[in-house]
Amino acid sequence: MTLGVTLGSTTVRRTIDSTVRLAREARDAGLHSAWFGQTFAYDSPSLAAIVGREVPGLHVGTAALPVFGRHPLLVSSQAQTAQAATGGRYHLGLALGTRHLTETGFGIPYRRPVGLLREFLTALRPLLETGTADFHGELLTATTPYSAEVPGARPTVPVLVAAMGPQTLRVSGELADGILPFLAGPRALAEHIVPAVTAAAEAAGRPAPRIVALVPGVVTARSGVAAVRERAAGELALYERIPSYRRAIEASGATGAADIAVIGDEEAVAAEVRRYREAGATEVVFTATELDGEEGRVRTWRLLGELSRG
């Protein structure tokens, strides 16, 4: 199982140069990957391409681009460009986004999200694989009057979906390479998420899906766990108002998002990483590692690097 970290958040804004420096630190610590969220600020595929090119050996990913307000032709161009720039170390993550951000930010009705995801993936896959598309759906059209292939964009960009509900897991198992569950603890993974997406992939004749679990967590002294968890509660509270996350939290046996956060000393955090692996995660990506300041982040990355190498 590989381990990675996210390098961006809504509360910490960094310059591109400082992000590259941090990515080098992640690689040197022994981490396998660095991931970038998508807000209304940086374009995450572009940032991933820059970081991946500047930091050889480090895999980079987008977690995740909302499909509303985007088109498969444009996302294919972004993803293939990042893949070519990084020498094959880019991973594309997609998401449904939320009704509030979609309708407020883009002025687009948040209608038939699962149907849009299915059509988006159906059009996107041949674009990434062959540089061609001839798709005419109910919700979108994607055709290529000339080739959309980017030279050097090999192997084919892997596509993962931030899926946790039954319908999105089914679509992801059939059409994507894996999933990016967030705030889904080991219980939710083992009992609900992994079996559903794996069954969908098997039924579609596809390989076993990647399960890239995004987990908020930080290494801290035992005496500081309560304070850090209180801080996590404040930063993660917004997810409790989003139905998909709320269901994942409850399926994990937790009452709040902060209960999912992995917070403790090195031994405790390592034990939780093992629980995610046993629950079916093929990769674990830690988020919010700055919850206990710079010292906590460094301790966390050091431990994850050791676990990754081990």
C-alpha atoms as a PDB file:
ATOM      1  CA  MET A   1       0.000   0.000   0.000  1.00  0.00           C
ATOM      2  CA  THR A   2       1.314   3.439  -0.937  1.00  0.00           C
ATOM      3  CA  LEU A   3       0.982   6.590   1.171  1.00  0.00           C
ATOM      4  CA  GLY A   4       0.638  10.219   0.172  1.00  0.00           C
ATOM      5  CA  VAL A   5      -0.465  13.639   1.376  1.00  0.00           C
ATOM      6  CA  THR A   6      -2.473  16.578   0.117  1.00  0.00           C
ATOM      7  CA  LEU A   7      -0.592  19.815  -0.454  1.00  0.00           C
ATOM      8  CA  GLY A   8      -3.452  22.273  -0.551  1.00  0.00           C
ATOM      9  CA  SER A   9      -6.415  23.255   1.577  1.00  0.00           C
ATOM     10  CA  THR A  10      -9.023  25.991   1.838  1.00  0.00           C
ATOM     11  CA  THR A  11      -7.293  27.450   4.905  1.00  0.00           C
ATOM     12  CA  VAL A  12      -3.639  27.367   3.784  1.00  0.00           C
ATOM     13  CA  ARG A  13      -2.726  29.339   0.650  1.00  0.00           C
ATOM     14  CA  ARG A  14       0.762  28.811  -0.750  1.00  0.00           C
ATOM     15  CA  THR A  15       2.666  30.193  -3.696  1.00  0.00           C
ATOM     16  CA  ILE A  16       3.618  27.800  -6.467  1.00  0.00           C
ATOM     17  CA  ASP A  17       7.278  27.983  -5.449  1.00  0.00           C
ATOM     18  CA  SER A  18       6.500  27.132  -1.834  1.00  0.00           C
ATOM     19  CA  THR A  19       4.278  24.276  -2.982  1.00  0.00           C
ATOM     20  CA  VAL A  20       7.126  22.860  -5.047  1.00  0.00           C
ATOM     21  CA  ARG A  21       9.462  23.102  -2.041  1.00  0.00           C
ATOM     22  CA  LEU A  22       6.918  21.275   0.098  1.00  0.00           C
ATOM     23  CA  ALA A  23       6.504  18.592  -2.559  1.00  0.00           C
ATOM     24  CA  ARG A  24      10.255  17.989  -2.554  1.00  0.00           C
ATOM     25  CA  GLU A  25      10.070  17.568   1.193  1.00  0.00           C
ATOM     26  CA  ALA A  26       7.275  15.025   0.786  1.00  0.00           C
ATOM     27  CA  ARG A  27       9.278  13.034  -1.734  1.00  0.00           C
ATOM     28  CA  ASP A  28      12.429  13.166   0.376  1.00  0.00           C
ATOM     29  CA  ALA A  29      10.438  11.947   3.381  1.00  0.00           C
ATOM     30  CA  GLY A  30       9.602   8.814   1.392  1.00  0.00           C
ATOM     31  CA  LEU A  31       6.024   9.626   0.429  1.00  0.00           C
ATOM     32  CA  HIS A  32       4.683   8.221  -2.837  1.00  0.00           C
ATOM     33  CA  SER A  33       2.254  10.944  -3.904  1.00  0.00           C
ATOM     34  CA  ALA A  34       1.000  14.507  -3.456  1.00  0.00           C
ATOM     35  CA  TRP A  35      -2.582  15.529  -4.233  1.00  0.00           C
ATOM     36  CA  PHE A  36      -4.245  18.852  -4.953  1.00  0.00           C
ATOM     37  CA  GLY A  37      -7.843  19.825  -4.342  1.00  0.00           C
ATOM     38  CA  GLN A  38      -9.814  22.036  -6.721  1.00  0.00           C
ATOM     39  CA  THR A  39     -11.378  25.250  -5.464  1.00  0.00           C
ATOM     40  CA  PHE A  40     -11.922  28.518  -7.308  1.00  0.00           C
ATOM     41  CA  ALA A  41      -8.227  29.432  -6.954  1.00  0.00           C
ATOM     42  CA  TYR A  42      -5.434  27.364  -8.525  1.00  0.00           C
ATOM     43  CA  ASP A  43      -6.182  25.088 -11.461  1.00  0.00           C
ATOM     44  CA  SER A  44      -5.233  21.798  -9.843  1.00  0.00           C
ATOM     45  CA  PRO A  45      -4.171  19.833 -12.979  1.00  0.00           C
ATOM     46  CA  SER A  46      -1.842  22.695 -13.927  1.00  0.00           C
ATOM     47  CA  LEU A  47      -0.408  22.860 -10.423  1.00  0.00           C
ATOM     48  CA  ALA A  48       0.041  19.093 -10.374  1.00  0.00           C
ATOM     49  CA  ALA A  49       1.832  19.233 -13.728  1.00  0.00           C
ATOM     50  CA  ILE A  50       4.237  21.899 -12.464  1.00  0.00           C
ATOM     51  CA  VAL A  51       4.955  20.089  -9.217  1.00  0.00           C
ATOM     52  CA  GLY A  52       5.337  16.702 -10.876  1.00  0.00           C
ATOM     53  CA  ARG A  53       7.779  18.091 -13.416  1.00  0.00           C
ATOM     54  CA  GLU A  54       9.796  19.925 -10.771  1.00  0.00           C
ATOM     55  CA  VAL A  55       9.884  16.966  -8.366  1.00  0.00           C
ATOM     56  CA  PRO A  56      10.932  13.787 -10.217  1.00  0.00           C
ATOM     57  CA  GLY A  57       9.751  10.545  -8.677  1.00  0.00           C
ATOM     58  CA  LEU A  58       6.719  11.997  -6.929  1.00  0.00           C
ATOM     59  CA  HIS A  59       3.292  10.983  -8.205  1.00  0.00           C
ATOM     60  CA  VAL A  60       0.769  13.821  -8.325  1.00  0.00           C
ATOM     61  CA  GLY A  61      -3.000  13.806  -8.421  1.00  0.00           C
ATOM     62  CA  THR A  62      -6.108  15.935  -8.523  1.00  0.00           C
ATOM     63  CA  ALA A  63      -8.668  15.196  -5.820  1.00  0.00           C
ATOM     64  CA  ALA A  64     -10.987  16.157  -7.293  1.00  0.00           C
ATOM     65  CA  LEU A  65     -12.332  18.140 -10.282  1.00  0.00           C
ATOM     66  CA  PRO A  66     -16.125  18.620 -10.188  1.00  0.00           C
ATOM     67  CA  VAL A  67     -17.720  17.539 -13.468  1.00  0.00           C
ATOM     68  CA  PHE A  68     -20.275  20.356 -13.416  1.00  0.00           C
ATOM     69  CA  GLY A  69     -18.930  23.398 -15.255  1.00  0.00           C
ATOM     70  CA  ARG A  70     -16.391  21.288 -17.162  1.00  0.00           C
ATOM     71  CA  HIS A  71     -16.333  19.271 -20.374  1.00  0.00           C
ATOM     72  CA  PRO A  72     -14.595  15.948 -21.139  1.00  0.00           C
ATOM     73  CA  LEU A  73     -12.665  17.466 -24.069  1.00  0.00           C
ATOM     74  CA  LEU A  74     -11.154  20.164 -21.858  1.00  0.00           C
ATOM     75  CA  VAL A  75     -10.489  17.852 -18.925  1.00  0.00           C
ATOM     76  CA  SER A  76      -8.837  15.366 -21.285  1.00  0.00           C
ATOM     77  CA  SER A  77      -6.517  18.099 -22.553  1.00  0.00           C
ATOM     78  CA  GLN A  78      -5.616  19.124 -19.004  1.00  0.00           C
ATOM     79  CA  ALA A  79      -5.041  15.567 -17.837  1.00  0.00           C
ATOM     80  CA  GLN A  80      -3.001  14.467 -20.842  1.00  0.00           C
ATOM     81  CA  THR A  81      -0.868  17.599 -20.646  1.00  0.00           C
ATOM     82  CA  ALA A  82      -0.153  16.881 -16.967  1.00  0.00           C
ATOM     83  CA  GLN A  83       0.634  13.254 -17.792  1.00  0.00           C
ATOM     84  CA  ALA A  84       3.081  14.233 -20.517  1.00  0.00           C
ATOM     85  CA  ALA A  85       4.704  16.883 -18.309  1.00  0.00           C
ATOM     86  CA  THR A  86       5.235  14.487 -15.408  1.00  0.00           C
ATOM     87  CA  GLY A  87       6.416  11.495 -17.415  1.00  0.00           C
ATOM     88  CA  GLY A  88       3.383   9.378 -16.553  1.00  0.00           C
ATOM     89  CA  ARG A  89       2.925  10.264 -12.861  1.00  0.00           C
ATOM     90  CA  TYR A  90      -0.410  12.095 -12.983  1.00  0.00           C
ATOM     91  CA  HIS A  91      -3.708  10.783 -11.561  1.00  0.00           C
ATOM     92  CA  LEU A  92      -7.008  12.441 -12.437  1.00  0.00           C
ATOM     93  CA  GLY A  93      -9.689  12.630  -9.770  1.00  0.00           C
ATOM     94  CA  LEU A  94     -13.264  13.654 -10.587  1.00  0.00           C
ATOM     95  CA  ALA A  95     -16.183  14.538  -8.342  1.00  0.00           C
ATOM     96  CA  LEU A  96     -19.829  15.516  -8.479  1.00  0.00           C
ATOM     97  CA  GLY A  97     -19.193  18.627  -6.387  1.00  0.00           C
ATOM     98  CA  THR A  98     -22.039  20.090  -4.335  1.00  0.00           C
ATOM     99  CA  ARG A  99     -25.337  21.726  -5.201  1.00  0.00           C
ATOM    100  CA  HIS A 100     -24.416  24.933  -3.359  1.00  0.00           C
ATOM    101  CA  LEU A 101     -21.080  25.519  -5.095  1.00  0.00           C
ATOM    102  CA  THR A 102     -22.386  24.450  -8.492  1.00  0.00           C
ATOM    103  CA  GLU A 103     -25.471  26.614  -8.503  1.00  0.00           C
ATOM    104  CA  THR A 104     -23.913  29.569  -6.670  1.00  0.00           C
ATOM    105  CA  GLY A 105     -20.553  29.605  -8.411  1.00  0.00           C
ATOM    106  CA  PHE A 106     -21.418  28.510 -11.945  1.00  0.00           C
ATOM    107  CA  GLY A 107     -25.105  29.311 -12.121  1.00  0.00           C
ATOM    108  CA  ILE A 108     -25.679  25.761 -13.402  1.00  0.00           C
ATOM    109  CA  PRO A 109     -28.619  23.681 -12.128  1.00  0.00           C
ATOM    110  CA  TYR A 110     -27.400  20.716 -10.115  1.00  0.00           C
ATOM    111  CA  ARG A 111     -29.527  18.193 -11.985  1.00  0.00           C
ATOM    112  CA  ARG A 112     -29.001  14.495 -12.644  1.00  0.00           C
ATOM    113  CA  PRO A 113     -25.483  14.413 -11.179  1.00  0.00           C
ATOM    114  CA  VAL A 114     -25.040  10.639 -11.452  1.00  0.00           C
ATOM    115  CA  GLY A 115     -26.268  10.676 -15.052  1.00  0.00           C
ATOM    116  CA  LEU A 116     -23.812  13.443 -15.877  1.00  0.00           C
ATOM    117  CA  LEU A 117     -20.981  11.515 -14.221  1.00  0.00           C
ATOM    118  CA  ARG A 118     -21.780   8.425 -16.297  1.00  0.00           C
ATOM    119  CA  GLU A 119     -21.826  10.380 -19.562  1.00  0.00           C
ATOM    120  CA  PHE A 120     -18.709  12.336 -18.605  1.00  0.00           C
ATOM    121  CA  LEU A 121     -16.721   9.151 -17.927  1.00  0.00           C
ATOM    122  CA  THR A 122     -18.070   7.442 -21.042  1.00  0.00           C
ATOM    123  CA  ALA A 123     -16.871  10.335 -23.213  1.00  0.00           C
ATOM    124  CA  LEU A 124     -13.615  10.857 -21.331  1.00  0.00           C
ATOM    125  CA  ARG A 125     -12.183   7.337 -21.449  1.00  0.00           C
ATOM    126  CA  PRO A 126     -11.686   7.100 -25.241  1.00  0.00           C
ATOM    127  CA  LEU A 127     -10.263  10.613 -25.258  1.00  0.00           C
ATOM    128  CA  LEU A 128      -7.572   9.579 -22.782  1.00  0.00           C
ATOM    129  CA  GLU A 129      -6.965   6.211 -24.442  1.00  0.00           C
ATOM    130  CA  THR A 130      -7.043   7.118 -28.147  1.00  0.00           C
ATOM    131  CA  GLY A 131      -7.473  10.890 -28.433  1.00  0.00           C
ATOM    132  CA  THR A 132     -10.859  10.430 -30.100  1.00  0.00           C
ATOM    133  CA  ALA A 133     -14.502  10.654 -29.066  1.00  0.00           C
ATOM    134  CA  ASP A 134     -17.860  10.394 -30.759  1.00  0.00           C
ATOM    135  CA  PHE A 135     -20.318  10.586 -27.892  1.00  0.00           C
ATOM    136  CA  HIS A 136     -23.845  11.976 -28.062  1.00  0.00           C
ATOM    137  CA  GLY A 137     -25.661  11.696 -24.762  1.00  0.00           C
ATOM    138  CA  GLU A 138     -28.662  13.290 -23.120  1.00  0.00           C
ATOM    139  CA  LEU A 139     -26.552  15.679 -21.050  1.00  0.00           C
ATOM    140  CA  LEU A 140     -23.413  16.288 -23.113  1.00  0.00           C
ATOM    141  CA  THR A 141     -21.809  15.763 -26.502  1.00  0.00           C
ATOM    142  CA  ALA A 142     -18.127  15.148 -27.163  1.00  0.00           C
ATOM    143  CA  THR A 143     -16.716  14.661 -30.663  1.00  0.00           C
ATOM    144  CA  THR A 144     -13.250  15.137 -32.119  1.00  0.00           C
ATOM    145  CA  PRO A 145     -13.042  16.700 -35.607  1.00  0.00           C
ATOM    146  CA  TYR A 146      -9.292  16.144 -35.227  1.00  0.00           C
ATOM    147  CA  SER A 147      -7.101  14.248 -32.772  1.00  0.00           C
ATOM    148  CA  ALA A 148      -7.152  15.172 -29.093  1.00  0.00           C
ATOM    149  CA  GLU A 149      -4.120  13.007 -28.306  1.00  0.00           C
ATOM    150  CA  VAL A 150      -1.231  14.697 -26.481  1.00  0.00           C
ATOM    151  CA  PRO A 151       2.210  13.295 -27.445  1.00  0.00           C
ATOM    152  CA  GLY A 152       3.967  11.660 -24.509  1.00  0.00           C
ATOM    153  CA  ALA A 153       0.825  11.288 -22.395  1.00  0.00           C
ATOM    154  CA  ARG A 154       1.459   7.655 -21.546  1.00  0.00           C
ATOM    155  CA  PRO A 155       0.482   5.450 -19.878  1.00  0.00           C
ATOM    156  CA  THR A 156      -3.194   6.328 -20.145  1.00  0.00           C
ATOM    157  CA  VAL A 157      -4.154   8.723 -17.364  1.00  0.00           C
ATOM    158  CA  PRO A 158      -5.852   6.797 -14.529  1.00  0.00           C
ATOM    159  CA  VAL A 159      -9.265   8.182 -13.612  1.00  0.00           C
ATOM    160  CA  LEU A 160     -10.631   8.033 -10.084  1.00  0.00           C
ATOM    161  CA  VAL A 161     -13.924   9.333  -8.713  1.00  0.00           C
ATOM    162  CA  ALA A 162     -14.738  10.792  -5.307  1.00  0.00           C
ATOM    163  CA  ALA A 163     -17.518   8.233  -4.916  1.00  0.00           C
ATOM    164  CA  MET A 164     -19.118   6.903  -1.741  1.00  0.00           C
ATOM    165  CA  GLY A 165     -22.830   6.440  -2.466  1.00  0.00           C
ATOM    166  CA  PRO A 166     -24.349   3.343  -4.122  1.00  0.00           C
ATOM    167  CA  GLN A 167     -25.036   4.981  -7.489  1.00  0.00           C
ATOM    168  CA  THR A 168     -21.686   6.727  -7.868  1.00  0.00           C
ATOM    169  CA  LEU A 169     -19.871   3.591  -6.725  1.00  0.00           C
ATOM    170  CA  ARG A 170     -21.664   1.597  -9.403  1.00  0.00           C
ATOM    171  CA  VAL A 171     -20.751   4.068 -12.131  1.00  0.00           C
ATOM    172  CA  SER A 172     -17.171   4.309 -10.889  1.00  0.00           C
ATOM    173  CA  GLY A 173     -16.738   0.548 -10.792  1.00  0.00           C
ATOM    174  CA  GLU A 174     -18.004   0.251 -14.361  1.00  0.00           C
ATOM    175  CA  LEU A 175     -16.151   3.177 -15.938  1.00  0.00           C
ATOM    176  CA  ALA A 176     -13.304   4.443 -13.718  1.00  0.00           C
ATOM    177  CA  ASP A 177     -10.047   3.001 -12.413  1.00  0.00           C
ATOM    178  CA  GLY A 178     -10.841   3.588  -8.767  1.00  0.00           C
ATOM    179  CA  ILE A 179     -12.325   5.855  -6.150  1.00  0.00           C
ATOM    180  CA  LEU A 180     -11.283   8.628  -3.765  1.00  0.00           C
ATOM    181  CA  PRO A 181     -13.446   8.287  -0.642  1.00  0.00           C
ATOM    182  CA  PHE A 182     -13.047  11.040   1.980  1.00  0.00           C
ATOM    183  CA  LEU A 183     -14.257  10.887   5.585  1.00  0.00           C
ATOM    184  CA  ALA A 184     -15.092   7.215   5.134  1.00  0.00           C
ATOM    185  CA  GLY A 185     -13.555   5.245   7.987  1.00  0.00           C
ATOM    186  CA  PRO A 186     -12.443   1.616   7.889  1.00  0.00           C
ATOM    187  CA  ARG A 187     -15.902   0.328   8.796  1.00  0.00           C
ATOM    188  CA  ALA A 188     -17.610   2.223   5.968  1.00  0.00           C
ATOM    189  CA  LEU A 189     -14.935   1.053   3.527  1.00  0.00           C
ATOM    190  CA  ALA A 190     -15.055  -2.596   4.518  1.00  0.00           C
ATOM    191  CA  GLU A 191     -18.829  -2.953   4.856  1.00  0.00           C
ATOM    192  CA  HIS A 192     -20.188  -0.662   2.159  1.00  0.00           C
ATOM    193  CA  ILE A 193     -17.801   1.108  -0.187  1.00  0.00           C
ATOM    194  CA  VAL A 194     -15.184  -1.471  -1.213  1.00  0.00           C
ATOM    195  CA  PRO A 195     -17.664  -4.327  -1.791  1.00  0.00           C
ATOM    196  CA  ALA A 196     -19.965  -2.136  -3.888  1.00  0.00           C
ATOM    197  CA  VAL A 197     -17.339  -0.684  -6.212  1.00  0.00           C
ATOM    198  CA  THR A 198     -15.512  -4.016  -6.524  1.00  0.00           C
ATOM    199  CA  ALA A 199     -18.719  -5.840  -7.463  1.00  0.00           C
ATOM    200  CA  ALA A 200     -19.514  -3.208 -10.104  1.00  0.00           C
ATOM    201  CA  ALA A 201     -16.019  -3.512 -11.591  1.00  0.00           C
ATOM    202  CA  GLU A 202     -16.242  -7.307 -11.682  1.00  0.00           C
ATOM    203  CA  ALA A 203     -19.648  -7.208 -13.356  1.00  0.00           C
ATOM    204  CA  ALA A 204     -18.261  -4.858 -16.008  1.00  0.00           C
ATOM    205  CA  GLY A 205     -15.218  -7.069 -16.596  1.00  0.00           C
ATOM    206  CA  ARG A 206     -12.835  -4.418 -15.300  1.00  0.00           C
ATOM    207  CA  PRO A 207      -9.783  -4.871 -13.039  1.00  0.00           C
ATOM    208  CA  ALA A 208     -10.108  -4.508  -9.280  1.00  0.00           C
ATOM    209  CA  PRO A 209     -10.507  -0.793  -8.569  1.00  0.00           C
ATOM    210  CA  ARG A 210      -7.994   1.331  -6.713  1.00  0.00           C
ATOM    211  CA  ILE A 211      -9.277   2.524  -3.339  1.00  0.00           C
ATOM    212  CA  VAL A 212      -7.457   5.762  -2.515  1.00  0.00           C
ATOM    213  CA  ALA A 213      -8.718   6.715   0.938  1.00  0.00           C
ATOM    214  CA  LEU A 214      -8.310  10.376   1.854  1.00  0.00           C
ATOM    215  CA  VAL A 215      -7.941  10.612   5.620  1.00  0.00           C
ATOM    216  CA  PRO A 216      -7.556  13.733   7.796  1.00  0.00           C
ATOM    217  CA  GLY A 217      -4.831  13.004  10.282  1.00  0.00           C
ATOM    218  CA  VAL A 218      -1.770  14.162  12.163  1.00  0.00           C
ATOM    219  CA  VAL A 219       0.824  12.807  14.562  1.00  0.00           C
ATOM    220  CA  THR A 220       0.807  14.606  17.897  1.00  0.00           C
ATOM    221  CA  ALA A 221       1.625  14.019  21.531  1.00  0.00           C
ATOM    222  CA  ARG A 222      -0.964  12.015  23.453  1.00  0.00           C
ATOM    223  CA  SER A 223      -1.517  14.994  25.731  1.00  0.00           C
ATOM    224  CA  GLY A 224      -2.489  17.140  22.753  1.00  0.00           C
ATOM    225  CA  VAL A 225      -5.003  14.807  21.079  1.00  0.00           C
ATOM    226  CA  ALA A 226      -8.107  16.476  22.520  1.00  0.00           C
ATOM    227  CA  ALA A 227      -7.043  19.957  21.450  1.00  0.00           C
ATOM    228  CA  VAL A 228      -6.133  18.863  17.942  1.00  0.00           C
ATOM    229  CA  ARG A 229      -9.399  16.960  17.554  1.00  0.00           C
ATOM    230  CA  GLU A 230     -11.302  20.082  18.609  1.00  0.00           C
ATOM    231  CA  ARG A 231      -9.438  22.005  15.918  1.00  0.00           C
ATOM    232  CA  ALA A 232     -10.302  19.301  13.409  1.00  0.00           C
ATOM    233  CA  ALA A 233     -13.965  19.569  14.382  1.00  0.00           C
ATOM    234  CA  GLY A 234     -13.960  23.227  13.412  1.00  0.00           C
ATOM    235  CA  GLU A 235     -12.239  22.673  10.076  1.00  0.00           C
ATOM    236  CA  LEU A 236     -14.279  19.626   9.048  1.00  0.00           C
ATOM    237  CA  ALA A 237     -17.707  20.755  10.265  1.00  0.00           C
ATOM    238  CA  LEU A 238     -18.788  21.981   6.835  1.00  0.00           C
ATOM    239  CA  TYR A 239     -18.686  18.403   5.477  1.00  0.00           C
ATOM    240  CA  GLU A 240     -21.284  17.302   8.000  1.00  0.00           C
ATOM    241  CA  ARG A 241     -23.844  19.419   6.114  1.00  0.00           C
ATOM    242  CA  ILE A 242     -23.207  17.608   2.812  1.00  0.00           C
ATOM    243  CA  PRO A 243     -25.397  14.486   2.532  1.00  0.00           C
ATOM    244  CA  SER A 244     -22.799  12.197   0.913  1.00  0.00           C
ATOM    245  CA  TYR A 245     -20.231  12.923   3.619  1.00  0.00           C
ATOM    246  CA  ARG A 246     -22.841  12.724   6.356  1.00  0.00           C
ATOM    247  CA  ARG A 247     -23.803   9.221   5.222  1.00  0.00           C
ATOM    248  CA  ALA A 248     -20.153   8.123   5.067  1.00  0.00           C
ATOM    249  CA  ILE A 249     -19.508   9.443   8.574  1.00  0.00           C
ATOM    250  CA  GLU A 250     -22.532   7.603   9.962  1.00  0.00           C
ATOM    251  CA  ALA A 251     -21.605   4.401   8.097  1.00  0.00           C
ATOM    252  CA  SER A 252     -18.213   4.640   9.775  1.00  0.00           C
ATOM    253  CA  GLY A 253     -19.871   4.505  13.199  1.00  0.00           C
ATOM    254  CA  ALA A 254     -18.969   8.116  13.950  1.00  0.00           C
ATOM    255  CA  THR A 255     -21.116  11.042  15.030  1.00  0.00           C
ATOM    256  CA  GLY A 256     -19.015  13.827  13.536  1.00  0.00           C
ATOM    257  CA  ALA A 257     -16.357  14.385  10.886  1.00  0.00           C
ATOM    258  CA  ALA A 258     -13.657  14.936  13.497  1.00  0.00           C
ATOM    259  CA  ASP A 259     -14.254  11.414  14.807  1.00  0.00           C
ATOM    260  CA  ILE A 260     -12.900  10.100  11.503  1.00  0.00           C
ATOM    261  CA  ALA A 261      -9.656  12.067  11.852  1.00  0.00           C
ATOM    262  CA  VAL A 262      -6.613   9.975  12.748  1.00  0.00           C
ATOM    263  CA  ILE A 263      -4.947  11.842  15.610  1.00  0.00           C
ATOM    264  CA  GLY A 264      -2.384  10.432  18.022  1.00  0.00           C
ATOM    265  CA  ASP A 265       1.229   9.471  18.475  1.00  0.00           C
ATOM    266  CA  GLU A 266       3.227   7.483  15.938  1.00  0.00           C
ATOM    267  CA  GLU A 267       2.053   4.123  17.233  1.00  0.00           C
ATOM    268  CA  ALA A 268      -1.618   5.100  17.183  1.00  0.00           C
ATOM    269  CA  VAL A 269      -1.471   6.596  13.691  1.00  0.00           C
ATOM    270  CA  ALA A 270       0.405   3.609  12.282  1.00  0.00           C
ATOM    271  CA  ALA A 271      -2.258   1.303  13.736  1.00  0.00           C
ATOM    272  CA  GLU A 272      -5.015   3.303  12.007  1.00  0.00           C
ATOM    273  CA  VAL A 273      -3.185   3.152   8.675  1.00  0.00           C
ATOM    274  CA  ARG A 274      -3.127  -0.631   9.032  1.00  0.00           C
ATOM    275  CA  ARG A 275      -6.893  -0.607   9.691  1.00  0.00           C
ATOM    276  CA  TYR A 276      -7.489   1.233   6.414  1.00  0.00           C
ATOM    277  CA  ARG A 277      -5.348  -1.287   4.566  1.00  0.00           C
ATOM    278  CA  GLU A 278      -7.242  -4.191   6.137  1.00  0.00           C
ATOM    279  CA  ALA A 279     -10.529  -2.503   5.165  1.00  0.00           C
ATOM    280  CA  GLY A 280      -9.525  -2.589   1.504  1.00  0.00           C
ATOM    281  CA  ALA A 281      -7.695   0.682   0.882  1.00  0.00           C
ATOM    282  CA  THR A 282      -4.959   0.251  -1.706  1.00  0.00           C
ATOM    283  CA  GLU A 283      -3.596   3.723  -1.007  1.00  0.00           C
ATOM    284  CA  VAL A 284      -3.980   6.179   1.879  1.00  0.00           C
ATOM    285  CA  VAL A 285      -3.579   9.930   1.442  1.00  0.00           C
ATOM    286  CA  PHE A 286      -3.423  12.045   4.586  1.00  0.00           C
ATOM    287  CA  THR A 287      -5.073  15.465   4.541  1.00  0.00           C
ATOM    288  CA  ALA A 288      -5.049  18.292   7.088  1.00  0.00           C
ATOM    289  CA  THR A 289      -1.583  17.307   8.334  1.00  0.00           C
ATOM    290  CA  GLU A 290      -1.044  20.928   9.411  1.00  0.00           C
ATOM    291  CA  LEU A 291      -3.666  20.620  12.180  1.00  0.00           C
ATOM    292  CA  ASP A 292      -0.985  20.602  14.868  1.00  0.00           C
ATOM    293  CA  GLY A 293       1.299  23.140  13.270  1.00  0.00           C
ATOM    294  CA  GLU A 294       4.595  22.678  11.479  1.00  0.00           C
ATOM    295  CA  GLU A 295       6.064  20.290  14.023  1.00  0.00           C
ATOM    296  CA  GLY A 296       3.055  18.001  13.780  1.00  0.00           C
ATOM    297  CA  ARG A 297       3.149  18.061   9.985  1.00  0.00           C
ATOM    298  CA  VAL A 298       6.818  17.099   9.909  1.00  0.00           C
ATOM    299  CA  ARG A 299       6.255  14.265  12.386  1.00  0.00           C
ATOM    300  CA  THR A 300       3.316  13.017  10.344  1.00  0.00           C
ATOM    301  CA  TRP A 301       5.179  13.049   7.042  1.00  0.00           C
ATOM    302  CA  ARG A 302       8.183  11.340   8.623  1.00  0.00           C
ATOM    303  CA  LEU A 303       6.004   8.517   9.933  1.00  0.00           C
ATOM    304  CA  LEU A 304       4.098   8.096   6.670  1.00  0.00           C
ATOM    305  CA  GLY A 305       7.371   7.984   4.765  1.00  0.00           C
ATOM    306  CA  GLU A 306       8.682   5.271   7.063  1.00  0.00           C
ATOM    307  CA  LEU A 307       5.481   3.281   6.669  1.00  0.00           C
ATOM    308  CA  SER A 308       5.583   3.713   2.903  1.00  0.00           C
ATOM    309  CA  ARG A 309       9.148   2.463   2.678  1.00  0.00           C
ATOM    310  CA  GLY A 310       8.402  -0.394   5.051  1.00  0.00           C
END
